[in-house]
C-alpha atoms as a PDB file:
ATOM      1  CA  MET A   1    -229.451-113.270-110.131  1.00  0.00           C
ATOM      2  CA  LEU A   2    -232.740-113.573-112.079  1.00  0.00           C
ATOM      3  CA  GLN A   3    -234.320-111.563-109.375  1.00  0.00           C
ATOM      4  CA  THR A   4    -231.691-108.956-109.491  1.00  0.00           C
ATOM      5  CA  LEU A   5    -232.153-108.874-113.221  1.00  0.00           C
ATOM      6  CA  ILE A   6    -235.597-108.348-113.120  1.00  0.00           C
ATOM      7  CA  ILE A   7    -235.181-105.411-110.513  1.00  0.00           C
ATOM      8  CA  LEU A   8    -232.549-103.696-112.389  1.00  0.00           C
ATOM      9  CA  THR A   9    -234.549-104.001-115.859  1.00  0.00           C
ATOM     10  CA  LEU A  10    -237.798-102.556-113.906  1.00  0.00           C
ATOM     11  CA  ILE A  11    -235.567 -99.346-112.953  1.00  0.00           C
ATOM     12  CA  THR A  12    -234.106 -98.812-115.801  1.00  0.00           C
ATOM     13  CA  LEU A  13    -237.266 -99.033-117.669  1.00  0.00           C
ATOM     14  CA  ALA A  14    -238.615 -96.122-115.222  1.00  0.00           C
ATOM     15  CA  VAL A  15    -235.353 -94.174-115.803  1.00  0.00           C
ATOM     16  CA  CYS A  16    -235.374 -94.236-119.274  1.00  0.00           C
ATOM     17  CA  CYS A  17    -239.260 -93.388-119.662  1.00  0.00           C
ATOM     18  CA  VAL A  18    -237.598 -89.706-119.761  1.00  0.00           C
ATOM     19  CA  GLY A  19    -237.157 -90.690-123.886  1.00  0.00           C
ATOM     20  CA  TRP A  20    -240.674 -90.312-124.477  1.00  0.00           C
ATOM     21  CA  LYS A  21    -240.464 -86.751-123.720  1.00  0.00           C
ATOM     22  CA  LYS A  22    -237.570 -86.674-126.288  1.00  0.00           C
ATOM     23  CA  MET A  23    -236.522 -89.468-128.208  1.00  0.00           C
ATOM     24  CA  VAL A  24    -232.801 -88.414-127.931  1.00  0.00           C
ATOM     25  CA  TYR A  25    -233.179 -88.926-124.382  1.00  0.00           C
ATOM     26  CA  PHE A  26    -233.097 -92.654-124.489  1.00  0.00           C
ATOM     27  CA  PHE A  27    -229.694 -92.319-125.378  1.00  0.00           C
ATOM     28  CA  SER A  28    -228.569 -89.234-123.278  1.00  0.00           C
ATOM     29  CA  LEU A  29    -230.214 -88.456-119.985  1.00  0.00           C
ATOM     30  CA  GLY A  30    -231.805 -91.740-119.787  1.00  0.00           C
ATOM     31  CA  TYR A  31    -228.305 -93.362-120.618  1.00  0.00           C
ATOM     32  CA  GLY A  32    -226.567 -91.514-118.058  1.00  0.00           C
ATOM     33  CA  TYR A  33    -228.847 -91.861-115.511  1.00  0.00           C
ATOM     34  CA  SER A  34    -229.714 -95.207-115.886  1.00  0.00           C
ATOM     35  CA  ILE A  35    -226.071 -96.294-115.406  1.00  0.00           C
ATOM     36  CA  SER A  36    -226.204 -94.393-112.034  1.00  0.00           C
ATOM     37  CA  ALA A  37    -229.655 -96.050-110.893  1.00  0.00           C
ATOM     38  CA  ILE A  38    -228.210 -99.243-112.052  1.00  0.00           C
ATOM     39  CA  THR A  39    -225.004 -99.138-109.867  1.00  0.00           C
ATOM     40  CA  LEU A  40    -227.103 -97.711-106.805  1.00  0.00           C
ATOM     41  CA  THR A  41    -229.673-100.571-106.924  1.00  0.00           C
ATOM     42  CA  LEU A  42    -226.628-103.018-107.090  1.00  0.00           C
ATOM     43  CA  ASP A  43    -224.718-101.351-104.232  1.00  0.00           C
ATOM     44  CA  ILE A  44    -228.224-101.625-102.183  1.00  0.00           C
ATOM     45  CA  LEU A  45    -228.806-105.115-103.020  1.00  0.00           C
ATOM     46  CA  TYR A  46    -225.413-106.454-102.268  1.00  0.00           C
ATOM     47  CA  TRP A  47    -224.435-104.029 -99.596  1.00  0.00           C
ATOM     48  CA  ASN A  48    -223.473-107.275 -97.128  1.00  0.00           C
ATOM     49  CA  SER A  49    -221.248-108.875 -99.565  1.00  0.00           C
ATOM     50  CA  LEU A  50    -219.366-105.763-101.380  1.00  0.00           C
ATOM     51  CA  THR A  51    -215.600-105.526-101.523  1.00  0.00           C
ATOM     52  CA  TRP A  52    -214.074-102.367-100.999  1.00  0.00           C
ATOM     53  CA  TYR A  53    -212.627-102.622-104.911  1.00  0.00           C
ATOM     54  CA  MET A  54    -216.156-103.385-105.987  1.00  0.00           C
ATOM     55  CA  ALA A  55    -217.679-100.459-104.065  1.00  0.00           C
ATOM     56  CA  VAL A  56    -215.363 -98.024-105.263  1.00  0.00           C
ATOM     57  CA  LEU A  57    -216.292 -99.292-109.225  1.00  0.00           C
ATOM     58  CA  LEU A  58    -219.574 -99.134-108.209  1.00  0.00           C
ATOM     59  CA  LEU A  59    -218.968 -95.491-106.953  1.00  0.00           C
ATOM     60  CA  VAL A  60    -217.191 -94.486-110.130  1.00  0.00           C
ATOM     61  CA  LEU A  61    -219.869 -95.555-111.949  1.00  0.00           C
ATOM     62  CA  PHE A  62    -222.490 -93.808-110.358  1.00  0.00           C
ATOM     63  CA  LEU A  63    -220.718 -90.274-110.643  1.00  0.00           C
ATOM     64  CA  TYR A  64    -219.883 -91.245-114.003  1.00  0.00           C
ATOM     65  CA  GLY A  65    -223.504 -91.558-114.970  1.00  0.00           C
ATOM     66  CA  ILE A  66    -224.458 -88.573-113.027  1.00  0.00           C
ATOM     67  CA  ARG A  67    -222.030 -86.526-114.768  1.00  0.00           C
ATOM     68  CA  LEU A  68    -222.591 -87.582-117.927  1.00  0.00           C
ATOM     69  CA  ALA A  69    -226.358 -86.853-118.083  1.00  0.00           C
ATOM     70  CA  THR A  70    -226.043 -83.641-116.163  1.00  0.00           C
ATOM     71  CA  TYR A  71    -223.268 -82.480-118.755  1.00  0.00           C
ATOM     72  CA  LEU A  72    -225.701 -82.959-121.406  1.00  0.00           C
ATOM     73  CA  LEU A  73    -228.745 -81.591-119.989  1.00  0.00           C
ATOM     74  CA  VAL A  74    -226.536 -78.430-119.237  1.00  0.00           C
ATOM     75  CA  ARG A  75    -225.229 -78.353-122.730  1.00  0.00           C
ATOM     76  CA  GLU A  76    -228.818 -78.553-124.376  1.00  0.00           C
ATOM     77  CA  LEU A  77    -229.816 -76.068-121.953  1.00  0.00           C
ATOM     78  CA  LYS A  78    -227.394 -73.460-122.815  1.00  0.00           C
ATOM     79  CA  ARG A  79    -226.855 -74.313-126.407  1.00  0.00           C
ATOM     80  CA  PRO A  80    -229.933 -75.376-127.831  1.00  0.00           C
ATOM     81  CA  ALA A  81    -229.365 -74.693-131.518  1.00  0.00           C
ATOM     82  CA  TYR A  82    -226.282 -76.659-131.297  1.00  0.00           C
ATOM     83  CA  VAL A  83    -227.891 -79.676-129.467  1.00  0.00           C
ATOM     84  CA  LYS A  84    -230.494 -79.811-132.354  1.00  0.00           C
ATOM     85  CA  THR A  85    -227.936 -80.325-135.219  1.00  0.00           C
ATOM     86  CA  VAL A  86    -226.081 -83.136-133.576  1.00  0.00           C
ATOM     87  CA  SER A  87    -229.231 -84.804-131.976  1.00  0.00           C
ATOM     88  CA  PHE A  88    -230.118 -88.545-132.686  1.00  0.00           C
ATOM     89  CA  ASP A  89    -233.668 -86.990-133.101  1.00  0.00           C
ATOM     90  CA  GLN A  90    -234.070 -86.339-136.793  1.00  0.00           C
ATOM     91  CA  VAL A  91    -237.509 -86.658-136.493  1.00  0.00           C
ATOM     92  CA  ASN A  92    -240.137 -85.604-133.731  1.00  0.00           C
ATOM     93  CA  ASN A  93    -241.226 -88.215-131.735  1.00  0.00           C
ATOM     94  CA  GLU A  94    -244.693 -87.612-133.540  1.00  0.00           C
ATOM     95  CA  ASP A  95    -243.110 -89.118-136.379  1.00  0.00           C
ATOM     96  CA  ARG A  96    -242.845 -92.475-135.033  1.00  0.00           C
ATOM     97  CA  SER A  97    -245.029 -95.115-134.153  1.00  0.00           C
ATOM     98  CA  VAL A  98    -245.853 -96.014-130.644  1.00  0.00           C
ATOM     99  CA  MET A  99    -244.557 -99.504-131.512  1.00  0.00           C
ATOM    100  CA  ALA A 100    -241.331 -97.860-132.581  1.00  0.00           C
ATOM    101  CA  MET A 101    -240.891 -95.801-129.832  1.00  0.00           C
ATOM    102  CA  CYS A 102    -241.444 -98.975-127.423  1.00  0.00           C
ATOM    103  CA  MET A 103    -238.888-101.023-129.339  1.00  0.00           C
ATOM    104  CA  ILE A 104    -235.981 -97.989-128.928  1.00  0.00           C
ATOM    105  CA  TRP A 105    -236.855 -97.882-125.063  1.00  0.00           C
ATOM    106  CA  ILE A 106    -236.851-101.823-124.821  1.00  0.00           C
ATOM    107  CA  ALA A 107    -233.461-101.615-126.464  1.00  0.00           C
ATOM    108  CA  CYS A 108    -231.724 -99.096-124.637  1.00  0.00           C
ATOM    109  CA  VAL A 109    -232.877-100.662-121.183  1.00  0.00           C
ATOM    110  CA  LEU A 110    -231.543-104.336-122.588  1.00  0.00           C
ATOM    111  CA  LEU A 111    -228.370-102.558-123.900  1.00  0.00           C
ATOM    112  CA  TYR A 112    -227.276-100.640-120.552  1.00  0.00           C
ATOM    113  CA  ILE A 113    -228.293-104.083-118.518  1.00  0.00           C
ATOM    114  CA  CYS A 114    -225.907-105.780-120.845  1.00  0.00           C
ATOM    115  CA  GLN A 115    -223.240-103.245-120.383  1.00  0.00           C
ATOM    116  CA  THR A 116    -223.131-103.550-116.728  1.00  0.00           C
ATOM    117  CA  PHE A 117    -223.752-107.576-116.542  1.00  0.00           C
ATOM    118  CA  PRO A 118    -220.326-108.147-115.602  1.00  0.00           C
ATOM    119  CA  ILE A 119    -220.266-106.032-112.526  1.00  0.00           C
ATOM    120  CA  THR A 120    -223.802-107.883-111.768  1.00  0.00           C
ATOM    121  CA  ALA A 121    -222.280-111.331-112.215  1.00  0.00           C
ATOM    122  CA  HIS A 122    -219.409-110.466-110.152  1.00  0.00           C
ATOM    123  CA  LEU A 123    -221.596-109.295-106.967  1.00  0.00           C
ATOM    124  CA  ASP A 124    -223.572-112.348-107.275  1.00  0.00           C
ATOM    125  CA  ALA A 125    -220.727-114.518-107.113  1.00  0.00           C
ATOM    126  CA  LEU A 126    -219.564-112.536-103.729  1.00  0.00           C
ATOM    127  CA  ALA A 127    -222.847-112.763-102.685  1.00  0.00           C
ATOM    128  CA  GLN A 128    -222.891-116.518-103.066  1.00  0.00           C
ATOM    129  CA  GLY A 129    -219.177-116.546-101.072  1.00  0.00           C
ATOM    130  CA  ILE A 130    -217.027-116.862-104.152  1.00  0.00           C
ATOM    131  CA  THR A 131    -214.358-114.354-104.796  1.00  0.00           C
ATOM    132  CA  PRO A 132    -213.347-113.739-108.247  1.00  0.00           C
ATOM    133  CA  ASN A 133    -209.623-113.194-108.763  1.00  0.00           C
ATOM    134  CA  PRO A 134    -209.780-109.424-107.726  1.00  0.00           C
ATOM    135  CA  LEU A 135    -206.638-108.752-110.098  1.00  0.00           C
ATOM    136  CA  TRP A 136    -209.108-108.538-113.058  1.00  0.00           C
ATOM    137  CA  THR A 137    -211.066-106.206-111.001  1.00  0.00           C
ATOM    138  CA  TYR A 138    -207.701-103.933-110.250  1.00  0.00           C
ATOM    139  CA  VAL A 139    -207.068-104.018-114.083  1.00  0.00           C
ATOM    140  CA  GLY A 140    -210.673-103.520-115.452  1.00  0.00           C
ATOM    141  CA  GLY A 141    -211.376-100.784-112.736  1.00  0.00           C
ATOM    142  CA  CYS A 142    -208.231 -98.908-113.762  1.00  0.00           C
ATOM    143  CA  LEU A 143    -209.125 -98.882-117.575  1.00  0.00           C
ATOM    144  CA  ALA A 144    -212.759 -97.600-116.409  1.00  0.00           C
ATOM    145  CA  ILE A 145    -211.212 -94.654-114.815  1.00  0.00           C
ATOM    146  CA  ILE A 146    -208.796 -93.687-117.491  1.00  0.00           C
ATOM    147  CA  GLY A 147    -211.622 -93.678-119.724  1.00  0.00           C
ATOM    148  CA  ILE A 148    -214.066 -91.832-117.664  1.00  0.00           C
ATOM    149  CA  LEU A 149    -211.618 -89.075-117.155  1.00  0.00           C
ATOM    150  CA  LEU A 150    -210.664 -89.380-120.874  1.00  0.00           C
ATOM    151  CA  GLU A 151    -214.282 -88.562-121.508  1.00  0.00           C
ATOM    152  CA  ALA A 152    -214.345 -85.790-119.041  1.00  0.00           C
ATOM    153  CA  ILE A 153    -211.185 -84.111-120.074  1.00  0.00           C
ATOM    154  CA  ALA A 154    -212.216 -84.479-123.612  1.00  0.00           C
ATOM    155  CA  ASP A 155    -215.601 -82.723-123.106  1.00  0.00           C
ATOM    156  CA  HIS A 156    -214.000 -80.096-120.943  1.00  0.00           C
ATOM    157  CA  GLN A 157    -211.318 -78.995-123.849  1.00  0.00           C
ATOM    158  CA  LYS A 158    -214.277 -79.178-126.302  1.00  0.00           C
ATOM    159  CA  ASN A 159    -216.355 -76.556-124.234  1.00  0.00           C
ATOM    160  CA  VAL A 160    -212.953 -74.276-123.586  1.00  0.00           C
ATOM    161  CA  ALA A 161    -212.003 -74.784-127.635  1.00  0.00           C
ATOM    162  CA  LYS A 162    -215.840 -73.851-128.676  1.00  0.00           C
ATOM    163  CA  LYS A 163    -215.483 -70.474-126.572  1.00  0.00           C
ATOM    164  CA  VAL A 164    -212.843 -69.338-128.287  1.00  0.00           C
ATOM    165  CA  ASP A 165    -213.749 -70.148-131.558  1.00  0.00           C
ATOM    166  CA  PRO A 166    -217.395 -71.357-131.980  1.00  0.00           C
ATOM    167  CA  SER A 167    -216.927 -72.285-135.641  1.00  0.00           C
ATOM    168  CA  ARG A 168    -213.913 -73.971-135.936  1.00  0.00           C
ATOM    169  CA  TRP A 169    -213.601 -77.728-135.054  1.00  0.00           C
ATOM    170  CA  VAL A 170    -211.684 -78.911-132.050  1.00  0.00           C
ATOM    171  CA  ASP A 171    -207.913 -80.203-132.730  1.00  0.00           C
ATOM    172  CA  THR A 172    -206.181 -79.001-129.563  1.00  0.00           C
ATOM    173  CA  GLY A 173    -205.312 -81.482-126.345  1.00  0.00           C
ATOM    174  CA  VAL A 174    -206.625 -84.831-126.472  1.00  0.00           C
ATOM    175  CA  TYR A 175    -208.272 -84.165-129.890  1.00  0.00           C
ATOM    176  CA  ARG A 176    -204.456 -84.291-131.204  1.00  0.00           C
ATOM    177  CA  LEU A 177    -204.564 -88.102-130.276  1.00  0.00           C
ATOM    178  CA  VAL A 178    -207.697 -89.084-132.064  1.00  0.00           C
ATOM    179  CA  ARG A 179    -210.715 -86.770-133.584  1.00  0.00           C
ATOM    180  CA  PHE A 180    -213.670 -88.170-131.094  1.00  0.00           C
ATOM    181  CA  PRO A 181    -211.780 -88.759-127.682  1.00  0.00           C
ATOM    182  CA  ASN A 182    -215.029 -88.829-125.917  1.00  0.00           C
ATOM    183  CA  TYR A 183    -216.124 -91.931-127.549  1.00  0.00           C
ATOM    184  CA  LEU A 184    -212.721 -93.689-127.084  1.00  0.00           C
ATOM    185  CA  GLY A 185    -212.936 -92.761-123.417  1.00  0.00           C
ATOM    186  CA  GLU A 186    -216.521 -94.606-123.538  1.00  0.00           C
ATOM    187  CA  LEU A 187    -215.181 -97.620-125.108  1.00  0.00           C
ATOM    188  CA  LEU A 188    -212.166 -98.057-122.559  1.00  0.00           C
ATOM    189  CA  LEU A 189    -214.825 -97.612-119.734  1.00  0.00           C
ATOM    190  CA  TRP A 190    -216.740-100.399-120.754  1.00  0.00           C
ATOM    191  CA  LEU A 191    -213.915-102.440-121.735  1.00  0.00           C
ATOM    192  CA  GLY A 192    -212.797-102.066-118.308  1.00  0.00           C
ATOM    193  CA  VAL A 193    -216.030-103.096-116.922  1.00  0.00           C
ATOM    194  CA  LEU A 194    -215.947-106.342-118.771  1.00  0.00           C
ATOM    195  CA  ILE A 195    -212.303-106.715-117.886  1.00  0.00           C
ATOM    196  CA  SER A 196    -213.479-106.493-114.393  1.00  0.00           C
ATOM    197  CA  GLY A 197    -216.085-109.167-114.568  1.00  0.00           C
ATOM    198  CA  ILE A 198    -213.873-111.799-116.490  1.00  0.00           C
ATOM    199  CA  PRO A 199    -213.503-113.972-113.539  1.00  0.00           C
ATOM    200  CA  ALA A 200    -217.145-114.470-112.576  1.00  0.00           C
ATOM    201  CA  LEU A 201    -218.327-115.211-115.843  1.00  0.00           C
ATOM    202  CA  ASN A 202    -218.905-118.784-115.402  1.00  0.00           C
ATOM    203  CA  THR A 203    -221.320-119.896-117.893  1.00  0.00           C
ATOM    204  CA  TRP A 204    -221.919-119.512-121.544  1.00  0.00           C
ATOM    205  CA  TRP A 205    -225.000-117.219-121.314  1.00  0.00           C
ATOM    206  CA  HIS A 206    -222.874-114.697-118.684  1.00  0.00           C
ATOM    207  CA  TRP A 207    -220.233-114.350-121.409  1.00  0.00           C
ATOM    208  CA  VAL A 208    -222.883-113.937-124.308  1.00  0.00           C
ATOM    209  CA  VAL A 209    -224.716-111.111-122.089  1.00  0.00           C
ATOM    210  CA  ALA A 210    -221.502-109.418-121.423  1.00  0.00           C
ATOM    211  CA  ILE A 211    -220.338-109.636-125.003  1.00  0.00           C
ATOM    212  CA  LEU A 212    -223.194-108.389-126.346  1.00  0.00           C
ATOM    213  CA  GLY A 213    -223.187-105.500-124.018  1.00  0.00           C
ATOM    214  CA  PHE A 214    -219.553-104.464-125.184  1.00  0.00           C
ATOM    215  CA  ILE A 215    -220.546-105.070-129.241  1.00  0.00           C
ATOM    216  CA  GLY A 216    -223.609-103.015-128.613  1.00  0.00           C
ATOM    217  CA  ILE A 217    -221.749 -99.919-126.861  1.00  0.00           C
ATOM    218  CA  THR A 218    -219.200 -99.870-129.581  1.00  0.00           C
ATOM    219  CA  TYR A 219    -221.592-100.093-132.401  1.00  0.00           C
ATOM    220  CA  VAL A 220    -223.373 -96.845-130.825  1.00  0.00           C
ATOM    221  CA  MET A 221    -219.838 -95.150-130.566  1.00  0.00           C
ATOM    222  CA  LEU A 222    -218.835 -95.974-134.200  1.00  0.00           C
ATOM    223  CA  SER A 223    -222.011 -94.947-135.457  1.00  0.00           C
ATOM    224  CA  GLY A 224    -221.816 -91.682-133.485  1.00  0.00           C
ATOM    225  CA  ALA A 225    -218.380 -91.061-134.815  1.00  0.00           C
ATOM    226  CA  ARG A 226    -219.865 -91.539-138.523  1.00  0.00           C
ATOM    227  CA  ARG A 227    -222.481 -89.046-137.711  1.00  0.00           C
ATOM    228  CA  LEU A 228    -220.362 -86.530-136.291  1.00  0.00           C
ATOM    229  CA  GLU A 229    -217.937 -87.059-139.092  1.00  0.00           C
ATOM    230  CA  LEU A 230    -220.297 -86.583-142.001  1.00  0.00           C
ATOM    231  CA  ARG A 231    -221.561 -83.454-140.014  1.00  0.00           C
ATOM    232  CA  GLN A 232    -218.029 -81.991-139.642  1.00  0.00           C
ATOM    233  CA  ASP A 233    -217.425 -82.671-143.408  1.00  0.00           C
ATOM    234  CA  HIS A 234    -220.567 -81.087-143.952  1.00  0.00           C
ATOM    235  CA  ASN A 235    -219.274 -78.060-142.052  1.00  0.00           C
ATOM    236  CA  TYR A 236    -215.312 -78.033-142.782  1.00  0.00           C
ATOM    237  CA  GLY A 237    -215.051 -79.897-145.746  1.00  0.00           C
ATOM    238  CA  ASP A 238    -213.523 -77.079-147.833  1.00  0.00           C
ATOM    239  CA  ASN A 239    -211.356 -76.121-145.350  1.00  0.00           C
ATOM    240  CA  PRO A 240    -207.739 -77.597-146.283  1.00  0.00           C
ATOM    241  CA  ASP A 241    -206.579 -77.185-142.519  1.00  0.00           C
ATOM    242  CA  TYR A 242    -209.458 -79.611-141.423  1.00  0.00           C
ATOM    243  CA  GLN A 243    -208.852 -81.971-144.671  1.00  0.00           C
ATOM    244  CA  ALA A 244    -205.318 -82.060-143.322  1.00  0.00           C
ATOM    245  CA  TYR A 245    -206.115 -82.474-139.509  1.00  0.00           C
ATOM    246  CA  LYS A 246    -208.672 -85.474-141.043  1.00  0.00           C
ATOM    247  CA  LYS A 247    -206.082 -87.255-142.455  1.00  0.00           C
ATOM    248  CA  ARG A 248    -203.360 -86.943-139.798  1.00  0.00           C
ATOM    249  CA  VAL A 249    -205.307 -88.086-137.018  1.00  0.00           C
ATOM    250  CA  PRO A 250    -207.249 -91.301-136.446  1.00  0.00           C
ATOM    251  CA  ILE A 251    -210.965 -91.098-136.222  1.00  0.00           C
ATOM    252  CA  MET A 252    -211.374 -92.857-132.671  1.00  0.00           C
ATOM    253  CA  PHE A 253    -208.243 -95.467-131.974  1.00  0.00           C
ATOM    254  CA  PRO A 254    -205.035 -93.981-131.589  1.00  0.00           C
ATOM    255  CA  PHE A 255    -202.073 -95.276-133.786  1.00  0.00           C
ATOM    256  CA  ILE A 256    -204.612 -97.136-135.753  1.00  0.00           C
ATOM    257  CA  PRO A 257    -204.790 -95.572-139.347  1.00  0.00           C
ATOM    258  CA  ILE A 258    -208.614 -95.516-139.606  1.00  0.00           C
ATOM    259  CA  TYR A 259    -209.108 -91.831-140.583  1.00  0.00           C
ATOM    260  CA  SER A 260    -212.818 -92.518-141.510  1.00  0.00           C
ATOM    261  CA  VAL A 261    -215.700 -94.516-140.941  1.00  0.00           C
ATOM    262  CA  LYS A 262    -218.361 -92.423-143.101  1.00  0.00           C
ATOM    263  CA  LYS A 263    -218.810 -95.131-145.879  1.00  0.00           C
ATOM    264  CA  TYR A 264    -219.955 -97.765-143.929  1.00  0.00           C
ATOM    265  CA  GLU A 265    -223.854 -97.687-144.121  1.00  0.00           C
ATOM    266  CA  TRP A 266    -224.160-100.376-141.697  1.00  0.00           C
ATOM    267  CA  LEU A 267    -223.238 -97.856-139.169  1.00  0.00           C
ATOM    268  CA  LYS A 268    -226.114 -95.880-140.138  1.00  0.00           C
ATOM    269  CA  GLY A 269    -228.070 -95.126-136.750  1.00  0.00           C
END
């Protein structure tokens, strides 16, 4: 497995180099295309021992990464002014030292490797002639697909709503369930990936890597939710309809009465 992890790390480092063009690309284009590159590499490395259900999961994640990164790229090309207001890139790359950029680059690469590690562990077990209980993969795979579909639907509904009224927040469709359904979908996806690899996590360090990956992406999503909440409060805070919507609809977890995370400074990215 060590050789596989080294190969995945080198490939992800190469893909994430796009972040040197613009720092936000470490988290957007670099993220989506890295997930696709990782899953494609795993497909090639473990081709001879693939089961049909792992092949399906790899294909789903490959297509997910391509869709996400391409969606973000197209959105930036079509709406550069909007992207500038929500970008992670609050300052230019030139305002950050080379060391800081390197640390962000490496941190992103490690996060993406950890997120996909449950799949890597599962495939490595299959290559050794060990067949983990596929029930976990079925459950995790279904949850991951639900998360991907939710994210895609949320992105589509947001685009449609913004075409109708660009100056209004989105509160239709799945945005009636939670205020940031695309982030919820992302968490469901990676929770599914974690579940799918549970029977293959046979050592303590397997569990540490897998759990760190899920904790890391959870932090990123909550940090993103805080950032968007602050931006929406700035844009719509004086609107009583927005305030009513915010008090009625949970920020990211349905049926859990958490309506705001902006007060949590530790989520500041």
